[in-house]
Structure formats: structure tokens, C-alpha cells
PDB file of N, CA and C in Angstrom:
ATOM      1  N   MET A   1      47.518  28.604 174.610  1.00  0.00           N
ATOM      2  CA  MET A   1      48.068  27.917 174.432  1.00  0.00           C
ATOM      3  C   MET A   1      48.519  26.637 173.377  1.00  0.00           C
ATOM      4  N   VAL A   2      49.716  26.537 172.453  1.00  0.00           N
ATOM      5  CA  VAL A   2      49.648  25.686 171.752  1.00  0.00           C
ATOM      6  C   VAL A   2      49.547  24.280 172.145  1.00  0.00           C
ATOM      7  N   ARG A   3      49.151  23.920 171.166  1.00  0.00           N
ATOM      8  CA  ARG A   3      48.886  22.507 170.608  1.00  0.00           C
ATOM      9  C   ARG A   3      49.551  21.592 169.519  1.00  0.00           C
ATOM     10  N   ILE A   4      50.362  20.713 170.053  1.00  0.00           N
ATOM     11  CA  ILE A   4      50.738  20.299 169.068  1.00  0.00           C
ATOM     12  C   ILE A   4      49.980  18.413 168.983  1.00  0.00           C
ATOM     13  N   ILE A   5      50.587  18.957 167.479  1.00  0.00           N
ATOM     14  CA  ILE A   5      50.149  17.522 166.825  1.00  0.00           C
ATOM     15  C   ILE A   5      51.188  17.052 165.798  1.00  0.00           C
ATOM     16  N   PHE A   6      51.413  15.352 166.078  1.00  0.00           N
ATOM     17  CA  PHE A   6      52.425  15.061 165.253  1.00  0.00           C
ATOM     18  C   PHE A   6      51.939  14.076 164.399  1.00  0.00           C
ATOM     19  N   THR A   7      52.598  13.726 162.657  1.00  0.00           N
ATOM     20  CA  THR A   7      52.436  13.609 162.109  1.00  0.00           C
ATOM     21  C   THR A   7      52.360  12.374 161.771  1.00  0.00           C
ATOM     22  N   GLU A   8      51.622  11.538 161.117  1.00  0.00           N
ATOM     23  CA  GLU A   8      52.910   9.851 161.430  1.00  0.00           C
ATOM     24  C   GLU A   8      53.531   9.854 160.634  1.00  0.00           C
ATOM     25  N   GLU A   9      54.227  10.663 160.031  1.00  0.00           N
ATOM     26  CA  GLU A   9      55.337  10.492 159.351  1.00  0.00           C
ATOM     27  C   GLU A   9      56.369  10.662 160.410  1.00  0.00           C
ATOM     28  N   PHE A  10      55.984  12.337 161.074  1.00  0.00           N
ATOM     29  CA  PHE A  10      57.325  12.200 162.197  1.00  0.00           C
ATOM     30  C   PHE A  10      57.219  10.774 163.229  1.00  0.00           C
ATOM     31  N   LYS A  11      55.517  10.452 163.563  1.00  0.00           N
ATOM     32  CA  LYS A  11      55.690   9.327 165.127  1.00  0.00           C
ATOM     33  C   LYS A  11      57.043   8.098 164.628  1.00  0.00           C
ATOM     34  N   LYS A  12      57.002   8.188 163.155  1.00  0.00           N
ATOM     35  CA  LYS A  12      57.240   6.513 162.412  1.00  0.00           C
ATOM     36  C   LYS A  12      58.757   7.210 162.763  1.00  0.00           C
ATOM     37  N   ILE A  13      59.418   8.105 162.534  1.00  0.00           N
ATOM     38  CA  ILE A  13      60.642   8.781 162.118  1.00  0.00           C
ATOM     39  C   ILE A  13      61.305   8.868 164.120  1.00  0.00           C
ATOM     40  N   PHE A  14      60.439   9.355 164.948  1.00  0.00           N
ATOM     41  CA  PHE A  14      60.591   9.832 165.996  1.00  0.00           C
ATOM     42  C   PHE A  14      60.900   7.730 166.682  1.00  0.00           C
ATOM     43  N   SER A  15      59.745   7.336 166.789  1.00  0.00           N
ATOM     44  CA  SER A  15      60.182   6.081 166.855  1.00  0.00           C
ATOM     45  C   SER A  15      61.271   4.596 166.523  1.00  0.00           C
ATOM     46  N   THR A  16      61.613   4.956 165.914  1.00  0.00           N
ATOM     47  CA  THR A  16      63.160   4.228 165.848  1.00  0.00           C
ATOM     48  C   THR A  16      63.951   4.706 165.205  1.00  0.00           C
ATOM     49  N   ILE A  17      64.608   6.392 166.457  1.00  0.00           N
ATOM     50  CA  ILE A  17      65.625   7.047 166.815  1.00  0.00           C
ATOM     51  C   ILE A  17      65.820   6.355 168.012  1.00  0.00           C
ATOM     52  N   LYS A  18      67.365   5.477 168.201  1.00  0.00           N
ATOM     53  CA  LYS A  18      68.079   4.724 168.976  1.00  0.00           C
ATOM     54  C   LYS A  18      68.773   5.587 170.415  1.00  0.00           C
ATOM     55  N   ASP A  19      68.765   7.058 169.451  1.00  0.00           N
ATOM     56  CA  ASP A  19      70.082   7.513 170.977  1.00  0.00           C
ATOM     57  C   ASP A  19      68.709   8.606 171.688  1.00  0.00           C
ATOM     58  N   ASN A  20      69.058   8.037 172.802  1.00  0.00           N
ATOM     59  CA  ASN A  20      67.972   8.955 173.580  1.00  0.00           C
ATOM     60  C   ASN A  20      68.451  10.517 173.878  1.00  0.00           C
ATOM     61  N   SER A  21      70.024  10.845 173.673  1.00  0.00           N
ATOM     62  CA  SER A  21      70.349  12.259 173.918  1.00  0.00           C
ATOM     63  C   SER A  21      69.255  13.130 172.938  1.00  0.00           C
ATOM     64  N   LEU A  22      69.387  12.387 171.417  1.00  0.00           N
ATOM     65  CA  LEU A  22      69.409  13.201 170.359  1.00  0.00           C
ATOM     66  C   LEU A  22      67.818  13.528 170.517  1.00  0.00           C
ATOM     67  N   LYS A  23      66.365  12.300 170.942  1.00  0.00           N
ATOM     68  CA  LYS A  23      65.391  12.128 171.337  1.00  0.00           C
ATOM     69  C   LYS A  23      64.962  13.385 172.060  1.00  0.00           C
ATOM     70  N   GLU A  24      65.954  13.460 173.534  1.00  0.00           N
ATOM     71  CA  GLU A  24      66.515  14.569 174.401  1.00  0.00           C
ATOM     72  C   GLU A  24      66.666  16.285 173.547  1.00  0.00           C
ATOM     73  N   GLN A  25      67.107  16.473 172.717  1.00  0.00           N
ATOM     74  CA  GLN A  25      67.735  17.510 172.283  1.00  0.00           C
ATOM     75  C   GLN A  25      66.334  17.540 171.460  1.00  0.00           C
ATOM     76  N   ILE A  26      65.376  17.115 170.233  1.00  0.00           N
ATOM     77  CA  ILE A  26      64.201  16.889 169.890  1.00  0.00           C
ATOM     78  C   ILE A  26      62.965  17.828 171.115  1.00  0.00           C
ATOM     79  N   ILE A  27      62.926  17.410 171.774  1.00  0.00           N
ATOM     80  CA  ILE A  27      62.308  17.217 172.833  1.00  0.00           C
ATOM     81  C   ILE A  27      62.400  18.477 173.182  1.00  0.00           C
ATOM     82  N   LYS A  28      63.327  19.044 173.927  1.00  0.00           N
ATOM     83  CA  LYS A  28      63.728  20.085 174.194  1.00  0.00           C
ATOM     84  C   LYS A  28      63.789  21.296 172.892  1.00  0.00           C
ATOM     85  N   LYS A  29      63.906  21.316 171.280  1.00  0.00           N
ATOM     86  CA  LYS A  29      63.534  22.219 170.549  1.00  0.00           C
ATOM     87  C   LYS A  29      61.850  22.364 170.126  1.00  0.00           C
ATOM     88  N   ILE A  30      61.487  21.259 170.696  1.00  0.00           N
ATOM     89  CA  ILE A  30      59.953  21.246 169.981  1.00  0.00           C
ATOM     90  C   ILE A  30      59.322  22.326 171.471  1.00  0.00           C
ATOM     91  N   GLU A  31      59.797  21.853 172.305  1.00  0.00           N
ATOM     92  CA  GLU A  31      59.659  23.615 173.509  1.00  0.00           C
ATOM     93  C   GLU A  31      60.379  24.353 173.657  1.00  0.00           C
ATOM     94  N   LYS A  32      61.074  25.145 172.509  1.00  0.00           N
ATOM     95  CA  LYS A  32      61.382  26.317 172.765  1.00  0.00           C
ATOM     96  C   LYS A  32      60.518  26.573 171.300  1.00  0.00           C
ATOM     97  N   ILE A  33      60.416  26.087 170.540  1.00  0.00           N
ATOM     98  CA  ILE A  33      59.578  25.693 169.194  1.00  0.00           C
ATOM     99  C   ILE A  33      57.836  26.392 169.644  1.00  0.00           C
ATOM    100  N   LYS A  34      57.050  25.898 170.843  1.00  0.00           N
ATOM    101  CA  LYS A  34      55.924  26.279 171.361  1.00  0.00           C
ATOM    102  C   LYS A  34      56.037  27.458 171.740  1.00  0.00           C
ATOM    103  N   LEU A  35      56.779  27.772 172.657  1.00  0.00           N
ATOM    104  CA  LEU A  35      56.945  29.000 173.467  1.00  0.00           C
ATOM    105  C   LEU A  35      56.513  29.767 172.016  1.00  0.00           C
ATOM    106  N   SER A  36      57.881  29.867 170.614  1.00  0.00           N
ATOM    107  CA  SER A  36      58.100  30.628 170.079  1.00  0.00           C
ATOM    108  C   SER A  36      58.242  30.352 168.499  1.00  0.00           C
ATOM    109  N   PRO A  37      56.799  29.873 168.226  1.00  0.00           N
ATOM    110  CA  PRO A  37      56.755  28.894 166.710  1.00  0.00           C
ATOM    111  C   PRO A  37      57.143  29.447 165.732  1.00  0.00           C
ATOM    112  N   GLU A  38      57.124  31.366 165.345  1.00  0.00           N
ATOM    113  CA  GLU A  38      58.277  31.965 164.009  1.00  0.00           C
ATOM    114  C   GLU A  38      59.948  31.741 164.275  1.00  0.00           C
ATOM    115  N   MET A  39      60.406  30.855 165.194  1.00  0.00           N
ATOM    116  CA  MET A  39      61.644  31.122 165.631  1.00  0.00           C
ATOM    117  C   MET A  39      62.455  30.134 164.272  1.00  0.00           C
ATOM    118  N   GLY A  40      62.050  29.363 163.627  1.00  0.00           N
ATOM    119  CA  GLY A  40      62.526  28.222 162.597  1.00  0.00           C
ATOM    120  C   GLY A  40      62.215  29.269 161.231  1.00  0.00           C
ATOM    121  N   LYS A  41      63.392  28.482 160.969  1.00  0.00           N
ATOM    122  CA  LYS A  41      63.135  28.576 159.279  1.00  0.00           C
ATOM    123  C   LYS A  41      61.925  29.063 157.798  1.00  0.00           C
ATOM    124  N   PRO A  42      61.720  29.926 157.540  1.00  0.00           N
ATOM    125  CA  PRO A  42      60.759  29.601 156.769  1.00  0.00           C
ATOM    126  C   PRO A  42      61.452  29.602 155.291  1.00  0.00           C
ATOM    127  N   MET A  43      60.928  28.509 154.806  1.00  0.00           N
ATOM    128  CA  MET A  43      60.967  27.433 153.556  1.00  0.00           C
ATOM    129  C   MET A  43      60.267  27.906 152.544  1.00  0.00           C
ATOM    130  N   ARG A  44      60.509  27.745 151.294  1.00  0.00           N
ATOM    131  CA  ARG A  44      60.350  28.484 149.910  1.00  0.00           C
ATOM    132  C   ARG A  44      59.529  27.311 149.047  1.00  0.00           C
ATOM    133  N   PHE A  45      59.456  28.051 147.985  1.00  0.00           N
ATOM    134  CA  PHE A  45      58.818  26.793 146.749  1.00  0.00           C
ATOM    135  C   PHE A  45      57.704  26.166 147.344  1.00  0.00           C
ATOM    136  N   ASN A  46      58.297  24.398 146.823  1.00  0.00           N
ATOM    137  CA  ASN A  46      57.076  23.727 147.360  1.00  0.00           C
ATOM    138  C   ASN A  46      57.021  23.210 148.950  1.00  0.00           C
ATOM    139  N   ARG A  47      57.726  23.737 149.312  1.00  0.00           N
ATOM    140  CA  ARG A  47      57.798  23.419 150.722  1.00  0.00           C
ATOM    141  C   ARG A  47      57.447  24.722 151.887  1.00  0.00           C
ATOM    142  N   LYS A  48      56.845  26.047 150.784  1.00  0.00           N
ATOM    143  CA  LYS A  48      56.216  27.236 151.520  1.00  0.00           C
ATOM    144  C   LYS A  48      54.728  27.135 152.572  1.00  0.00           C
ATOM    145  N   GLY A  49      55.068  27.828 154.063  1.00  0.00           N
ATOM    146  CA  GLY A  49      53.794  27.084 154.738  1.00  0.00           C
ATOM    147  C   GLY A  49      54.729  26.501 155.466  1.00  0.00           C
ATOM    148  N   THR A  50      55.848  25.759 155.752  1.00  0.00           N
ATOM    149  CA  THR A  50      56.981  25.081 156.757  1.00  0.00           C
ATOM    150  C   THR A  50      58.161  26.045 156.859  1.00  0.00           C
ATOM    151  N   ARG A  51      58.580  25.449 158.277  1.00  0.00           N
ATOM    152  CA  ARG A  51      59.471  26.032 159.129  1.00  0.00           C
ATOM    153  C   ARG A  51      60.865  25.249 159.103  1.00  0.00           C
ATOM    154  N   GLU A  52      61.643  24.971 159.525  1.00  0.00           N
ATOM    155  CA  GLU A  52      62.609  24.257 159.880  1.00  0.00           C
ATOM    156  C   GLU A  52      63.962  24.443 161.136  1.00  0.00           C
ATOM    157  N   VAL A  53      64.284  24.108 162.182  1.00  0.00           N
ATOM    158  CA  VAL A  53      65.041  24.931 163.326  1.00  0.00           C
ATOM    159  C   VAL A  53      66.148  22.970 163.123  1.00  0.00           C
ATOM    160  N   TYR A  54      67.386  23.518 163.701  1.00  0.00           N
ATOM    161  CA  TYR A  54      68.722  23.091 163.316  1.00  0.00           C
ATOM    162  C   TYR A  54      68.559  22.271 164.778  1.00  0.00           C
ATOM    163  N   VAL A  55      69.033  20.740 164.507  1.00  0.00           N
ATOM    164  CA  VAL A  55      68.918  20.092 165.798  1.00  0.00           C
ATOM    165  C   VAL A  55      70.007  19.061 165.345  1.00  0.00           C
ATOM    166  N   GLY A  56      71.337  19.789 166.215  1.00  0.00           N
ATOM    167  CA  GLY A  56      72.548  18.841 165.629  1.00  0.00           C
ATOM    168  C   GLY A  56      72.439  18.801 163.817  1.00  0.00           C
ATOM    169  N   SER A  57      72.809  17.993 163.561  1.00  0.00           N
ATOM    170  CA  SER A  57      73.177  17.601 162.083  1.00  0.00           C
ATOM    171  C   SER A  57      71.795  17.062 161.087  1.00  0.00           C
ATOM    172  N   PHE A  58      70.459  17.727 162.223  1.00  0.00           N
ATOM    173  CA  PHE A  58      69.018  16.878 161.665  1.00  0.00           C
ATOM    174  C   PHE A  58      68.829  18.043 161.211  1.00  0.00           C
ATOM    175  N   ARG A  59      67.142  18.216 160.951  1.00  0.00           N
ATOM    176  CA  ARG A  59      66.228  19.305 160.664  1.00  0.00           C
ATOM    177  C   ARG A  59      65.190  18.539 160.982  1.00  0.00           C
ATOM    178  N   LEU A  60      64.472  19.627 162.051  1.00  0.00           N
ATOM    179  CA  LEU A  60      62.726  19.305 162.106  1.00  0.00           C
ATOM    180  C   LEU A  60      61.980  20.215 161.475  1.00  0.00           C
ATOM    181  N   SER A  61      60.742  19.429 160.624  1.00  0.00           N
ATOM    182  CA  SER A  61      60.378  20.390 159.578  1.00  0.00           C
ATOM    183  C   SER A  61      58.997  20.366 160.641  1.00  0.00           C
ATOM    184  N   TYR A  62      58.442  21.808 160.507  1.00  0.00           N
ATOM    185  CA  TYR A  62      57.123  22.255 161.187  1.00  0.00           C
ATOM    186  C   TYR A  62      56.400  23.336 160.369  1.00  0.00           C
ATOM    187  N   SER A  63      55.146  23.351 160.903  1.00  0.00           N
ATOM    188  CA  SER A  63      54.318  23.531 160.174  1.00  0.00           C
ATOM    189  C   SER A  63      53.001  24.721 161.531  1.00  0.00           C
ATOM    190  N   TYR A  64      52.816  25.767 161.507  1.00  0.00           N
ATOM    191  CA  TYR A  64      52.028  26.172 162.593  1.00  0.00           C
ATOM    192  C   TYR A  64      51.119  27.582 162.562  1.00  0.00           C
ATOM    193  N   ASN A  65      50.034  27.005 162.899  1.00  0.00           N
ATOM    194  CA  ASN A  65      48.518  27.760 162.593  1.00  0.00           C
ATOM    195  C   ASN A  65      48.395  28.552 162.944  1.00  0.00           C
ATOM    196  N   SER A  66      49.047  29.869 163.206  1.00  0.00           N
ATOM    197  CA  SER A  66      48.388  30.608 164.671  1.00  0.00           C
ATOM    198  C   SER A  66      47.124  30.733 164.357  1.00  0.00           C
ATOM    199  N   SER A  67      46.016  31.003 163.401  1.00  0.00           N
ATOM    200  CA  SER A  67      44.606  31.814 163.940  1.00  0.00           C
ATOM    201  C   SER A  67      44.077  30.375 165.080  1.00  0.00           C
ATOM    202  N   GLU A  68      44.395  29.351 164.675  1.00  0.00           N
ATOM    203  CA  GLU A  68      43.988  27.820 165.407  1.00  0.00           C
ATOM    204  C   GLU A  68      44.499  27.217 166.443  1.00  0.00           C
ATOM    205  N   GLY A  69      45.923  27.773 166.610  1.00  0.00           N
ATOM    206  CA  GLY A  69      47.897  27.859 168.077  1.00  0.00           C
ATOM    207  C   GLY A  69      47.305  26.481 167.982  1.00  0.00           C
ATOM    208  N   ILE A  70      47.920  25.859 166.442  1.00  0.00           N
ATOM    209  CA  ILE A  70      47.811  24.140 166.384  1.00  0.00           C
ATOM    210  C   ILE A  70      49.205  24.246 165.607  1.00  0.00           C
ATOM    211  N   LEU A  71      49.908  23.173 166.462  1.00  0.00           N
ATOM    212  CA  LEU A  71      52.007  23.413 165.459  1.00  0.00           C
ATOM    213  C   LEU A  71      51.833  21.930 165.359  1.00  0.00           C
ATOM    214  N   TYR A  72      51.916  21.988 163.601  1.00  0.00           N
ATOM    215  CA  TYR A  72      52.132  20.135 163.464  1.00  0.00           C
ATOM    216  C   TYR A  72      53.657  19.907 163.062  1.00  0.00           C
ATOM    217  N   LEU A  73      54.217  18.589 163.420  1.00  0.00           N
ATOM    218  CA  LEU A  73      55.433  18.430 163.441  1.00  0.00           C
ATOM    219  C   LEU A  73      55.141  17.453 161.835  1.00  0.00           C
ATOM    220  N   LEU A  74      55.956  18.068 161.708  1.00  0.00           N
ATOM    221  CA  LEU A  74      55.881  17.151 159.629  1.00  0.00           C
ATOM    222  C   LEU A  74      57.375  15.667 159.696  1.00  0.00           C
ATOM    223  N   ASP A  75      58.283  16.467 159.915  1.00  0.00           N
ATOM    224  CA  ASP A  75      58.837  15.699 159.610  1.00  0.00           C
ATOM    225  C   ASP A  75      60.448  15.627 160.111  1.00  0.00           C
ATOM    226  N   PHE A  76      61.465  14.810 160.319  1.00  0.00           N
ATOM    227  CA  PHE A  76      63.039  14.449 160.900  1.00  0.00           C
ATOM    228  C   PHE A  76      63.866  14.237 160.359  1.00  0.00           C
ATOM    229  N   TYR A  77      64.995  14.899 159.697  1.00  0.00           N
ATOM    230  CA  TYR A  77      65.863  14.259 158.568  1.00  0.00           C
ATOM    231  C   TYR A  77      67.214  14.704 158.438  1.00  0.00           C
ATOM    232  N   HIS A  78      67.907  13.643 158.176  1.00  0.00           N
ATOM    233  CA  HIS A  78      69.349  14.679 158.192  1.00  0.00           C
ATOM    234  C   HIS A  78      69.753  15.432 157.057  1.00  0.00           C
ATOM    235  N   LYS A  79      70.381  16.285 157.953  1.00  0.00           N
ATOM    236  CA  LYS A  79      70.051  17.572 156.701  1.00  0.00           C
ATOM    237  C   LYS A  79      70.919  17.209 154.548  1.00  0.00           C
ATOM    238  N   ASP A  80      72.103  16.304 154.647  1.00  0.00           N
ATOM    239  CA  ASP A  80      72.123  15.342 153.940  1.00  0.00           C
ATOM    240  C   ASP A  80      71.215  15.016 152.902  1.00  0.00           C
ATOM    241  N   LYS A  81      70.354  14.674 153.674  1.00  0.00           N
ATOM    242  CA  LYS A  81      69.022  14.151 153.029  1.00  0.00           C
ATOM    243  C   LYS A  81      67.697  15.022 152.314  1.00  0.00           C
ATOM    244  N   GLN A  82      67.770  16.500 152.292  1.00  0.00           N
ATOM    245  CA  GLN A  82      67.827  17.238 152.055  1.00  0.00           C
ATOM    246  C   GLN A  82      66.912  17.256 150.327  1.00  0.00           C
TER     247      GLN A  82
END
């Protein structure tokens, strides 16, 4: 069973989202990640060890610790702010 931990940064960003359909898309994507944590694109350089998935024109950044079964939700941002 995968345990999900929301970082303070992610909680802050998620709470400011006013579009309920976007929130639903994020929740659905998190459920998919939970089933297959390796699905996201692995990041390189200073973001090594993290992965990203698309949610519309946004990016959901996360990290997965397979030995402990913990999924860390790190950030959610628009692709233009990358």
C-alpha cells in the first residue's frame, strides 16, 4: 500500500485552486500515480529523484520512496513557469 504525503508547498498551491474540475483531474492523476508510481517522467540534474506528470497544461511533481512505499507530492505548477 502506497502512503501519500503532501508537502506544505503542495498543500498551499492546491488550496488556492478555484477550478473544481482541475482539482478533480489532480485527484484522479494522484490515484493513477498511486497505482503505478513509476509512470511519471524522471527529472534530471538538480531535480533528480523526482518525477512529473501532465495534468492539462500543468505539471504535478512528485517523488516516490519505493523501500518505504511513500509518495511525496512536491509541487504543482503551470508548464510556462518551469
